[in-house]
Amino acid sequence: MGYKDENYQNLAQSLIKRFEKRKFEGYYCKTKAEALELSLSLIPQGVSVTHGGSESIKEIGLLDAIKNGNYEYIDRSLAKNHQERREVIARGMLSHTFLMGTNAITMDGELVNVDGISNRVSLLCFGPEQVIVLAGINKVVANVDAGIYRAQNTAAPVNAIRLNRKTPCYDKGQCFNCYSEDCMCSNIVITRQSGIPGRIKIILAGQDLGY
């Protein structure tokens, strides 16, 4: 084990202990392949599964595994208009498993997420029987303020380019606390504990994932 790998493992184990006091289930996987295997082991065959916008679940191959596996996949990309999108999100609210990334995890074990229309944070907070959060070690930050800064100045500009959003961060590469129609920072949600013990499961990978 290299020095960096050992440090990541030690950091993850410290975070997992802090997750426990917040009623999260925490796991550590050294590689993306291990994270994929663990994720699938937590999802029973045949159940309904949906997801939020997340590059992390794509990068480990989890989204493809769900699409091609024995699951009832609720695909939000099929919605053709606002009403259909609302209906898909409503179905997702009653799903068994919700998959997502996170903008940041604080050293004290809190989740920090910043969203636009906020379907992602809505399902994190309430609805699905379980939530599986995939996060690379790059998402760990000192505190809530650092997490919000990371979401708005590291993740948001890249997502603005990916999603072709007409926001100042698209052009300037940093947050201007805008009020544009395409703003991706409508709601800031700090998840300090799981209201239902064990409902939120956090899988930390010892590699960078997402933005």
C-alpha atoms as a PDB file:
ATOM      1  CA  MET A   1       0.000   0.000   0.000  1.00  0.00           C
ATOM      2  CA  GLY A   2       1.404   3.400  -0.985  1.00  0.00           C
ATOM      3  CA  TYR A   3       1.588   6.389   1.349  1.00  0.00           C
ATOM      4  CA  LYS A   4      -1.328   8.109  -0.359  1.00  0.00           C
ATOM      5  CA  ASP A   5      -3.496   4.973  -0.265  1.00  0.00           C
ATOM      6  CA  GLU A   6      -2.805   4.500   3.430  1.00  0.00           C
ATOM      7  CA  ASN A   7      -3.671   8.125   4.136  1.00  0.00           C
ATOM      8  CA  TYR A   8      -6.954   7.847   2.214  1.00  0.00           C
ATOM      9  CA  GLN A   9      -7.871   4.693   4.126  1.00  0.00           C
ATOM     10  CA  ASN A  10      -7.081   6.329   7.479  1.00  0.00           C
ATOM     11  CA  LEU A  11      -9.109   9.410   6.548  1.00  0.00           C
ATOM     12  CA  ALA A  12     -12.040   7.263   5.428  1.00  0.00           C
ATOM     13  CA  GLN A  13     -12.039   5.238   8.636  1.00  0.00           C
ATOM     14  CA  SER A  14     -12.115   8.449  10.674  1.00  0.00           C
ATOM     15  CA  LEU A  15     -15.044   9.715   8.612  1.00  0.00           C
ATOM     16  CA  ILE A  16     -16.923   6.425   8.913  1.00  0.00           C
ATOM     17  CA  LYS A  17     -16.823   6.762  12.707  1.00  0.00           C
ATOM     18  CA  ARG A  18     -18.281  10.250  12.382  1.00  0.00           C
ATOM     19  CA  PHE A  19     -20.932   8.956   9.984  1.00  0.00           C
ATOM     20  CA  GLU A  20     -22.014   6.451  12.630  1.00  0.00           C
ATOM     21  CA  LYS A  21     -22.881   9.155  15.144  1.00  0.00           C
ATOM     22  CA  ARG A  22     -24.970  10.796  12.414  1.00  0.00           C
ATOM     23  CA  LYS A  23     -26.830   7.511  11.734  1.00  0.00           C
ATOM     24  CA  PHE A  24     -25.289   7.148   8.270  1.00  0.00           C
ATOM     25  CA  GLU A  25     -23.843   3.842   7.108  1.00  0.00           C
ATOM     26  CA  GLY A  26     -20.314   4.443   5.901  1.00  0.00           C
ATOM     27  CA  TYR A  27     -18.091   2.322   3.667  1.00  0.00           C
ATOM     28  CA  TYR A  28     -14.650   2.710   2.111  1.00  0.00           C
ATOM     29  CA  CYS A  29     -13.511   1.224  -1.195  1.00  0.00           C
ATOM     30  CA  LYS A  30     -10.000   1.673  -2.511  1.00  0.00           C
ATOM     31  CA  THR A  31     -11.007   1.566  -6.181  1.00  0.00           C
ATOM     32  CA  LYS A  32     -13.919   2.369  -8.462  1.00  0.00           C
ATOM     33  CA  ALA A  33     -14.354  -1.339  -9.205  1.00  0.00           C
ATOM     34  CA  GLU A  34     -14.733  -2.108  -5.504  1.00  0.00           C
ATOM     35  CA  ALA A  35     -17.209   0.780  -5.130  1.00  0.00           C
ATOM     36  CA  LEU A  36     -19.306  -0.634  -7.980  1.00  0.00           C
ATOM     37  CA  GLU A  37     -19.339  -4.126  -6.466  1.00  0.00           C
ATOM     38  CA  LEU A  38     -20.315  -2.814  -3.051  1.00  0.00           C
ATOM     39  CA  SER A  39     -23.033  -0.542  -4.454  1.00  0.00           C
ATOM     40  CA  LEU A  40     -24.691  -3.402  -6.312  1.00  0.00           C
ATOM     41  CA  SER A  41     -24.547  -5.609  -3.212  1.00  0.00           C
ATOM     42  CA  LEU A  42     -26.667  -3.025  -1.377  1.00  0.00           C
ATOM     43  CA  ILE A  43     -29.425  -2.982  -4.024  1.00  0.00           C
ATOM     44  CA  PRO A  44     -31.781  -5.991  -4.051  1.00  0.00           C
ATOM     45  CA  GLN A  45     -32.654  -7.479  -7.425  1.00  0.00           C
ATOM     46  CA  GLY A  46     -35.961  -6.323  -8.890  1.00  0.00           C
ATOM     47  CA  VAL A  47     -36.403  -3.137  -6.856  1.00  0.00           C
ATOM     48  CA  SER A  48     -37.084   0.318  -8.292  1.00  0.00           C
ATOM     49  CA  VAL A  49     -34.010   2.515  -8.690  1.00  0.00           C
ATOM     50  CA  THR A  50     -33.589   6.132  -9.720  1.00  0.00           C
ATOM     51  CA  HIS A  51     -30.821   8.697  -9.480  1.00  0.00           C
ATOM     52  CA  GLY A  52     -29.908  12.359  -9.363  1.00  0.00           C
ATOM     53  CA  GLY A  53     -27.520  14.131 -11.688  1.00  0.00           C
ATOM     54  CA  SER A  54     -24.203  12.514 -10.812  1.00  0.00           C
ATOM     55  CA  GLU A  55     -21.027  11.955 -12.756  1.00  0.00           C
ATOM     56  CA  SER A  56     -19.710   9.766  -9.921  1.00  0.00           C
ATOM     57  CA  ILE A  57     -22.265   7.000 -10.448  1.00  0.00           C
ATOM     58  CA  LYS A  58     -21.478   7.051 -14.167  1.00  0.00           C
ATOM     59  CA  GLU A  59     -17.711   6.933 -13.635  1.00  0.00           C
ATOM     60  CA  ILE A  60     -17.790   3.737 -11.570  1.00  0.00           C
ATOM     61  CA  GLY A  61     -20.168   2.054 -14.039  1.00  0.00           C
ATOM     62  CA  LEU A  62     -23.107   1.944 -11.633  1.00  0.00           C
ATOM     63  CA  LEU A  63     -25.612   3.686 -13.890  1.00  0.00           C
ATOM     64  CA  ASP A  64     -24.944   1.278 -16.751  1.00  0.00           C
ATOM     65  CA  ALA A  65     -25.195  -1.689 -14.374  1.00  0.00           C
ATOM     66  CA  ILE A  66     -28.615  -0.515 -13.184  1.00  0.00           C
ATOM     67  CA  LYS A  67     -29.887   0.173 -16.708  1.00  0.00           C
ATOM     68  CA  ASN A  68     -28.798  -3.266 -17.875  1.00  0.00           C
ATOM     69  CA  GLY A  69     -29.615  -5.204 -14.715  1.00  0.00           C
ATOM     70  CA  ASN A  70     -32.681  -6.746 -13.117  1.00  0.00           C
ATOM     71  CA  TYR A  71     -34.122  -3.525 -11.703  1.00  0.00           C
ATOM     72  CA  GLU A  72     -37.101  -1.280 -12.305  1.00  0.00           C
ATOM     73  CA  TYR A  73     -35.135   1.683 -13.597  1.00  0.00           C
ATOM     74  CA  ILE A  74     -36.891   5.044 -13.330  1.00  0.00           C
ATOM     75  CA  ASP A  75     -35.269   7.063 -16.121  1.00  0.00           C
ATOM     76  CA  ARG A  76     -35.718  10.796 -15.672  1.00  0.00           C
ATOM     77  CA  SER A  77     -34.087  11.487 -19.048  1.00  0.00           C
ATOM     78  CA  LEU A  78     -37.216  10.237 -20.848  1.00  0.00           C
ATOM     79  CA  ALA A  79     -39.285  13.212 -19.643  1.00  0.00           C
ATOM     80  CA  LYS A  80     -40.196  15.450 -22.591  1.00  0.00           C
ATOM     81  CA  ASN A  81     -41.557  18.438 -20.690  1.00  0.00           C
ATOM     82  CA  HIS A  82     -41.933  19.966 -17.239  1.00  0.00           C
ATOM     83  CA  GLN A  83     -45.049  17.983 -16.328  1.00  0.00           C
ATOM     84  CA  GLU A  84     -43.504  14.651 -17.316  1.00  0.00           C
ATOM     85  CA  ARG A  85     -40.398  15.559 -15.339  1.00  0.00           C
ATOM     86  CA  ARG A  86     -42.523  16.206 -12.249  1.00  0.00           C
ATOM     87  CA  GLU A  87     -44.209  12.837 -12.696  1.00  0.00           C
ATOM     88  CA  VAL A  88     -40.898  10.987 -13.025  1.00  0.00           C
ATOM     89  CA  ILE A  89     -39.549  12.709  -9.919  1.00  0.00           C
ATOM     90  CA  ALA A  90     -42.757  11.812  -8.068  1.00  0.00           C
ATOM     91  CA  ARG A  91     -42.243   8.157  -9.026  1.00  0.00           C
ATOM     92  CA  GLY A  92     -38.679   8.415  -7.809  1.00  0.00           C
ATOM     93  CA  MET A  93     -39.933   9.620  -4.450  1.00  0.00           C
ATOM     94  CA  LEU A  94     -41.443   6.159  -3.904  1.00  0.00           C
ATOM     95  CA  SER A  95     -38.487   4.224  -5.299  1.00  0.00           C
ATOM     96  CA  HIS A  96     -36.556   1.698  -3.259  1.00  0.00           C
ATOM     97  CA  THR A  97     -33.089   3.100  -3.988  1.00  0.00           C
ATOM     98  CA  PHE A  98     -31.925   6.585  -4.897  1.00  0.00           C
ATOM     99  CA  LEU A  99     -28.383   6.947  -6.243  1.00  0.00           C
ATOM    100  CA  MET A 100     -26.493  10.220  -6.046  1.00  0.00           C
ATOM    101  CA  GLY A 101     -23.148  11.893  -5.644  1.00  0.00           C
ATOM    102  CA  THR A 102     -22.541  14.741  -3.243  1.00  0.00           C
ATOM    103  CA  ASN A 103     -20.943  18.138  -3.634  1.00  0.00           C
ATOM    104  CA  ALA A 104     -18.910  17.759  -0.461  1.00  0.00           C
ATOM    105  CA  ILE A 105     -18.419  15.839   2.782  1.00  0.00           C
ATOM    106  CA  THR A 106     -17.116  17.728   5.791  1.00  0.00           C
ATOM    107  CA  MET A 107     -14.420  16.376   8.068  1.00  0.00           C
ATOM    108  CA  ASP A 108     -17.114  16.100  10.734  1.00  0.00           C
ATOM    109  CA  GLY A 109     -19.226  13.856   8.512  1.00  0.00           C
ATOM    110  CA  GLU A 110     -21.908  16.193   7.136  1.00  0.00           C
ATOM    111  CA  LEU A 111     -23.126  16.129   3.525  1.00  0.00           C
ATOM    112  CA  VAL A 112     -23.184  19.437   1.636  1.00  0.00           C
ATOM    113  CA  ASN A 113     -25.278  19.743  -1.529  1.00  0.00           C
ATOM    114  CA  VAL A 114     -26.233  22.723  -3.683  1.00  0.00           C
ATOM    115  CA  ASP A 115     -28.992  22.258  -6.291  1.00  0.00           C
ATOM    116  CA  GLY A 116     -30.969  24.104  -8.935  1.00  0.00           C
ATOM    117  CA  ILE A 117     -34.484  22.642  -9.232  1.00  0.00           C
ATOM    118  CA  SER A 118     -33.573  20.486  -6.228  1.00  0.00           C
ATOM    119  CA  ASN A 119     -35.063  17.127  -7.185  1.00  0.00           C
ATOM    120  CA  ARG A 120     -31.770  15.576  -6.026  1.00  0.00           C
ATOM    121  CA  VAL A 121     -31.793  17.061  -2.536  1.00  0.00           C
ATOM    122  CA  SER A 122     -35.530  16.433  -2.233  1.00  0.00           C
ATOM    123  CA  LEU A 123     -35.077  12.674  -2.622  1.00  0.00           C
ATOM    124  CA  LEU A 124     -32.033  12.749  -0.371  1.00  0.00           C
ATOM    125  CA  CYS A 125     -34.146  14.266   2.380  1.00  0.00           C
ATOM    126  CA  PHE A 126     -37.319  12.221   1.964  1.00  0.00           C
ATOM    127  CA  GLY A 127     -38.904   9.403   0.011  1.00  0.00           C
ATOM    128  CA  PRO A 128     -36.811   6.476  -1.245  1.00  0.00           C
ATOM    129  CA  GLU A 129     -36.261   3.589   1.135  1.00  0.00           C
ATOM    130  CA  GLN A 130     -32.508   3.962   0.857  1.00  0.00           C
ATOM    131  CA  VAL A 131     -30.102   6.549  -0.518  1.00  0.00           C
ATOM    132  CA  ILE A 132     -26.654   5.498  -1.724  1.00  0.00           C
ATOM    133  CA  VAL A 133     -24.176   8.364  -1.947  1.00  0.00           C
ATOM    134  CA  LEU A 134     -21.051   7.777  -4.059  1.00  0.00           C
ATOM    135  CA  ALA A 135     -18.160  10.116  -3.280  1.00  0.00           C
ATOM    136  CA  GLY A 136     -14.527  10.256  -4.245  1.00  0.00           C
ATOM    137  CA  ILE A 137     -11.948  11.280  -1.688  1.00  0.00           C
ATOM    138  CA  ASN A 138     -11.727  14.603  -3.560  1.00  0.00           C
ATOM    139  CA  LYS A 139     -15.112  15.581  -2.090  1.00  0.00           C
ATOM    140  CA  VAL A 140     -13.806  15.767   1.498  1.00  0.00           C
ATOM    141  CA  VAL A 141     -13.515  19.345   2.800  1.00  0.00           C
ATOM    142  CA  ALA A 142     -12.771  21.019   6.106  1.00  0.00           C
ATOM    143  CA  ASN A 143     -16.237  22.310   6.991  1.00  0.00           C
ATOM    144  CA  VAL A 144     -19.650  23.409   5.691  1.00  0.00           C
ATOM    145  CA  ASP A 145     -18.392  26.763   4.385  1.00  0.00           C
ATOM    146  CA  ALA A 146     -15.635  24.996   2.445  1.00  0.00           C
ATOM    147  CA  GLY A 147     -18.235  22.568   1.101  1.00  0.00           C
ATOM    148  CA  ILE A 148     -20.479  25.343  -0.179  1.00  0.00           C
ATOM    149  CA  TYR A 149     -17.484  27.107  -1.709  1.00  0.00           C
ATOM    150  CA  ARG A 150     -16.441  23.879  -3.407  1.00  0.00           C
ATOM    151  CA  ALA A 151     -19.943  23.279  -4.790  1.00  0.00           C
ATOM    152  CA  GLN A 152     -20.244  26.777  -6.197  1.00  0.00           C
ATOM    153  CA  ASN A 153     -16.699  27.328  -7.442  1.00  0.00           C
ATOM    154  CA  THR A 154     -15.398  23.876  -8.360  1.00  0.00           C
ATOM    155  CA  ALA A 155     -18.460  21.841  -9.352  1.00  0.00           C
ATOM    156  CA  ALA A 156     -20.903  24.475 -10.627  1.00  0.00           C
ATOM    157  CA  PRO A 157     -18.702  26.016 -13.376  1.00  0.00           C
ATOM    158  CA  VAL A 158     -17.956  22.578 -14.845  1.00  0.00           C
ATOM    159  CA  ASN A 159     -21.606  21.536 -14.622  1.00  0.00           C
ATOM    160  CA  ALA A 160     -22.634  24.800 -16.272  1.00  0.00           C
ATOM    161  CA  ILE A 161     -20.466  23.898 -19.247  1.00  0.00           C
ATOM    162  CA  ARG A 162     -21.684  20.270 -19.250  1.00  0.00           C
ATOM    163  CA  LEU A 163     -25.343  21.313 -19.121  1.00  0.00           C
ATOM    164  CA  ASN A 164     -24.938  24.489 -21.223  1.00  0.00           C
ATOM    165  CA  ARG A 165     -26.341  26.751 -18.515  1.00  0.00           C
ATOM    166  CA  LYS A 166     -26.329  30.498 -19.132  1.00  0.00           C
ATOM    167  CA  THR A 167     -24.759  31.477 -15.821  1.00  0.00           C
ATOM    168  CA  PRO A 168     -21.870  33.787 -14.907  1.00  0.00           C
ATOM    169  CA  CYS A 169     -19.878  30.778 -13.670  1.00  0.00           C
ATOM    170  CA  TYR A 170     -20.053  29.314 -17.192  1.00  0.00           C
ATOM    171  CA  ASP A 171     -18.175  32.318 -18.569  1.00  0.00           C
ATOM    172  CA  LYS A 172     -15.996  33.280 -15.615  1.00  0.00           C
ATOM    173  CA  GLY A 173     -15.234  29.938 -13.942  1.00  0.00           C
ATOM    174  CA  GLN A 174     -16.322  31.082 -10.495  1.00  0.00           C
ATOM    175  CA  CYS A 175     -19.523  31.780  -8.571  1.00  0.00           C
ATOM    176  CA  PHE A 176     -21.113  35.255  -8.608  1.00  0.00           C
ATOM    177  CA  ASN A 177     -24.157  34.328  -6.483  1.00  0.00           C
ATOM    178  CA  CYS A 178     -26.314  34.956  -9.530  1.00  0.00           C
ATOM    179  CA  TYR A 179     -30.092  35.064  -9.888  1.00  0.00           C
ATOM    180  CA  SER A 180     -30.182  33.890 -13.496  1.00  0.00           C
ATOM    181  CA  GLU A 181     -32.931  31.582 -14.751  1.00  0.00           C
ATOM    182  CA  ASP A 182     -30.311  28.859 -15.241  1.00  0.00           C
ATOM    183  CA  CYS A 183     -28.916  29.221 -11.722  1.00  0.00           C
ATOM    184  CA  MET A 184     -27.880  25.858 -10.258  1.00  0.00           C
ATOM    185  CA  CYS A 185     -27.628  27.126  -6.677  1.00  0.00           C
ATOM    186  CA  SER A 186     -31.261  27.597  -5.639  1.00  0.00           C
ATOM    187  CA  ASN A 187     -31.062  25.474  -2.493  1.00  0.00           C
ATOM    188  CA  ILE A 188     -28.202  24.661  -0.151  1.00  0.00           C
ATOM    189  CA  VAL A 189     -28.846  21.543   1.942  1.00  0.00           C
ATOM    190  CA  ILE A 190     -26.709  20.397   4.849  1.00  0.00           C
ATOM    191  CA  THR A 191     -27.475  16.830   5.899  1.00  0.00           C
ATOM    192  CA  ARG A 192     -26.262  16.513   9.471  1.00  0.00           C
ATOM    193  CA  GLN A 193     -27.811  13.112  10.172  1.00  0.00           C
ATOM    194  CA  SER A 194     -30.115  10.468   8.737  1.00  0.00           C
ATOM    195  CA  GLY A 195     -33.598  10.828  10.197  1.00  0.00           C
ATOM    196  CA  ILE A 196     -34.072   7.090   9.629  1.00  0.00           C
ATOM    197  CA  PRO A 197     -30.957   5.276  10.905  1.00  0.00           C
ATOM    198  CA  GLY A 198     -29.064   3.610   8.064  1.00  0.00           C
ATOM    199  CA  ARG A 199     -31.264   5.003   5.296  1.00  0.00           C
ATOM    200  CA  ILE A 200     -28.379   7.074   3.911  1.00  0.00           C
ATOM    201  CA  LYS A 201     -25.374   4.981   2.927  1.00  0.00           C
ATOM    202  CA  ILE A 202     -22.144   6.745   1.990  1.00  0.00           C
ATOM    203  CA  ILE A 203     -19.541   4.962  -0.085  1.00  0.00           C
ATOM    204  CA  LEU A 204     -16.165   6.694  -0.133  1.00  0.00           C
ATOM    205  CA  ALA A 205     -13.784   5.760  -2.932  1.00  0.00           C
ATOM    206  CA  GLY A 206     -10.035   6.230  -2.622  1.00  0.00           C
ATOM    207  CA  GLN A 207      -9.979   7.916  -6.031  1.00  0.00           C
ATOM    208  CA  ASP A 208     -11.292  11.171  -7.445  1.00  0.00           C
ATOM    209  CA  LEU A 209     -14.924  10.976  -8.617  1.00  0.00           C
ATOM    210  CA  GLY A 210     -17.067  13.640 -10.240  1.00  0.00           C
ATOM    211  CA  TYR A 211     -16.476  17.367 -10.088  1.00  0.00           C
END
